[in-house]
Amino acid sequence: MRTPGQSLKLNGNIGMKTAFGKSIFRSIAESKKRFFSIVMISALGVTMLVGIYAACQVMYLSADRFYDGQSLFDVRVLSTLGLTEKDVDALSQVNGVVTAEGGYSDSVHITVNGAQKVVELAALSTKGLNVPYVVTGRLPQASGE
């Protein structure tokens, strides 16, 4: 019987000396192929999850670098009646806003080869926000282009 404050001594009954430990090692020894198959499946699963996690992080950082390079906006404020310059000035005073700019855009419904399409028209920014990514050709450089 143990008295309060007295430590519990295990008498070395850990590992192979216990019946439970012997049973575990005996079952592994009897089915080595099954044990190593489970170990390999677990290792492949962990490797797969780590790879997916790493790929997600790299894709997130790549997208963030691209968005920063194109100066894409983070927040878009829309109004059915439109915003005034006073509204844009008020938004630029919000804590954390680096650049605020008003713009013009419209959705146009057109028919192309018998199919209805929606085209988004937007004015280019004068402050360099949302610079289009040009694959071939160039952006307009003069008024009226």
Protein backbone atom coordinates (compact mmCIF):
# COMPACT_ATOMS: atom_id res chain seq x y z
CA MET A 1 0.00 0.00 0.00
CA ARG A 2 1.27 3.43 -0.94
CA THR A 3 1.17 6.33 1.46
CA PRO A 4 0.52 9.95 0.36
CA GLY A 5 3.67 11.56 -1.04
CA GLN A 6 5.30 8.20 -1.81
CA SER A 7 6.23 7.67 -5.47
CA LEU A 8 4.89 4.76 -7.46
CA LYS A 9 7.55 2.27 -8.49
CA LEU A 10 6.87 0.20 -11.61
CA ASN A 11 9.44 -2.53 -10.83
CA GLY A 12 10.64 -2.56 -14.44
CA ASN A 13 7.36 -3.94 -15.86
CA ILE A 14 7.65 -1.97 -19.10
CA GLY A 15 8.16 -3.14 -22.68
CA MET A 16 8.95 -6.80 -23.41
CA LYS A 17 8.60 -7.88 -19.79
CA THR A 18 4.83 -7.35 -19.71
CA ALA A 19 2.36 -9.79 -21.24
CA PHE A 20 0.93 -6.96 -23.33
CA GLY A 21 4.34 -6.08 -24.78
CA LYS A 22 5.10 -9.72 -25.54
CA SER A 23 1.73 -10.10 -27.24
CA ILE A 24 2.33 -7.06 -29.45
CA PHE A 25 5.75 -8.20 -30.62
CA ARG A 26 4.52 -11.78 -31.10
CA SER A 27 1.62 -10.63 -33.31
CA ILE A 28 4.00 -8.44 -35.38
CA ALA A 29 6.44 -11.34 -35.77
CA GLU A 30 3.65 -13.69 -36.87
CA SER A 31 2.35 -11.31 -39.56
CA LYS A 32 5.36 -9.30 -40.73
CA LYS A 33 3.99 -8.73 -44.23
CA ARG A 34 0.71 -7.32 -42.93
CA PHE A 35 2.49 -5.10 -40.39
CA PHE A 36 4.93 -3.65 -42.93
CA SER A 37 2.08 -3.19 -45.45
CA ILE A 38 0.19 -1.10 -42.90
CA VAL A 39 3.35 0.88 -42.11
CA MET A 40 3.96 1.55 -45.82
CA ILE A 41 0.33 2.56 -46.47
CA SER A 42 0.48 4.93 -43.50
CA ALA A 43 3.79 6.40 -44.71
CA LEU A 44 2.37 6.92 -48.22
CA GLY A 45 -0.71 8.60 -46.78
CA VAL A 46 1.38 10.96 -44.68
CA THR A 47 3.61 11.72 -47.67
CA MET A 48 0.57 12.45 -49.83
CA LEU A 49 -0.98 14.80 -47.26
CA VAL A 50 2.32 16.64 -46.73
CA GLY A 51 2.71 17.02 -50.50
CA ILE A 52 -0.81 18.40 -50.91
CA TYR A 53 -0.25 20.83 -48.04
CA ALA A 54 3.07 22.03 -49.50
CA ALA A 55 1.54 22.42 -52.98
CA CYS A 56 -1.32 24.50 -51.55
CA GLN A 57 1.11 26.80 -49.77
CA VAL A 58 3.24 27.26 -52.91
CA MET A 59 0.15 27.97 -55.04
CA TYR A 60 -1.09 30.49 -52.48
CA LEU A 61 2.28 32.31 -52.42
CA SER A 62 2.54 32.25 -56.23
CA ALA A 63 -0.94 33.72 -56.61
CA ASP A 64 -0.18 36.38 -54.00
CA ARG A 65 3.03 37.35 -55.83
CA PHE A 66 1.15 37.55 -59.15
CA TYR A 67 -1.68 39.64 -57.63
CA ASP A 68 0.83 42.03 -56.07
CA GLY A 69 2.74 42.30 -59.37
CA GLN A 70 -0.44 43.18 -61.25
CA SER A 71 -1.55 45.59 -58.48
CA LEU A 72 -4.90 43.85 -58.22
CA PHE A 73 -7.34 45.31 -55.72
CA ASP A 74 -8.37 43.51 -52.54
CA VAL A 75 -11.82 45.02 -51.99
CA ARG A 76 -14.38 46.24 -54.50
CA VAL A 77 -17.12 48.61 -53.38
CA LEU A 78 -20.18 48.68 -55.66
CA SER A 79 -23.26 50.84 -55.65
CA THR A 80 -26.41 50.66 -57.73
CA LEU A 81 -26.57 54.46 -57.81
CA GLY A 82 -22.83 54.97 -58.26
CA LEU A 83 -20.16 56.45 -56.03
CA THR A 84 -18.95 60.05 -55.97
CA GLU A 85 -15.42 61.39 -55.57
CA LYS A 86 -16.39 62.24 -51.99
CA ASP A 87 -17.16 58.54 -51.40
CA VAL A 88 -13.81 57.52 -52.89
CA ASP A 89 -12.01 60.08 -50.67
CA ALA A 90 -13.81 58.69 -47.61
CA LEU A 91 -12.77 55.15 -48.55
CA SER A 92 -9.15 56.22 -49.00
CA GLN A 93 -9.15 57.52 -45.39
CA VAL A 94 -9.99 54.07 -43.99
CA ASN A 95 -7.14 52.56 -41.94
CA GLY A 96 -5.08 50.14 -44.04
CA VAL A 97 -6.19 51.41 -47.45
CA VAL A 98 -3.14 52.17 -49.60
CA THR A 99 -4.92 53.28 -52.79
CA ALA A 100 -8.58 53.95 -53.50
CA GLU A 101 -9.80 54.80 -56.96
CA GLY A 102 -13.15 55.14 -58.67
CA GLY A 103 -13.78 53.42 -61.95
CA TYR A 104 -16.37 52.72 -64.57
CA SER A 105 -17.60 49.31 -65.68
CA ASP A 106 -20.60 47.78 -67.40
CA SER A 107 -21.82 44.32 -68.37
CA VAL A 108 -22.89 44.00 -71.99
CA HIS A 109 -24.99 41.12 -73.38
CA ILE A 110 -24.09 40.23 -76.96
CA THR A 111 -24.75 37.40 -79.40
CA VAL A 112 -21.72 35.62 -80.88
CA ASN A 113 -22.30 32.84 -83.44
CA GLY A 114 -25.87 32.44 -82.19
CA ALA A 115 -24.88 32.16 -78.50
CA GLN A 116 -25.56 34.77 -75.82
CA LYS A 117 -22.38 36.05 -74.15
CA VAL A 118 -21.74 38.54 -71.36
CA VAL A 119 -18.81 40.93 -71.74
CA GLU A 120 -17.51 43.03 -68.87
CA LEU A 121 -16.27 46.44 -69.98
CA ALA A 122 -14.03 48.33 -67.56
CA ALA A 123 -12.07 51.57 -67.76
CA LEU A 124 -8.34 51.22 -67.20
CA SER A 125 -6.99 52.63 -63.96
CA THR A 126 -5.04 55.88 -63.93
CA LYS A 127 -3.31 54.91 -60.67
CA GLY A 128 -2.05 51.53 -61.90
CA LEU A 129 -4.60 49.33 -60.13
CA ASN A 130 -5.76 46.10 -61.80
CA VAL A 131 -3.30 46.28 -64.66
CA PRO A 132 -4.43 43.70 -67.24
CA TYR A 133 -2.05 40.80 -67.85
CA VAL A 134 -1.08 41.09 -71.51
CA VAL A 135 -0.21 37.79 -73.19
CA THR A 136 0.37 39.21 -76.68
CA GLY A 137 0.23 42.73 -78.03
CA ARG A 138 0.20 45.81 -75.82
CA LEU A 139 -2.11 47.91 -73.70
CA PRO A 140 -3.59 51.14 -75.10
CA GLN A 141 -1.12 54.00 -74.79
CA ALA A 142 -3.08 56.95 -76.16
CA SER A 143 -6.58 58.24 -75.75
CA GLY A 144 -9.05 56.66 -78.15
CA GLU A 145 -7.19 53.37 -78.58
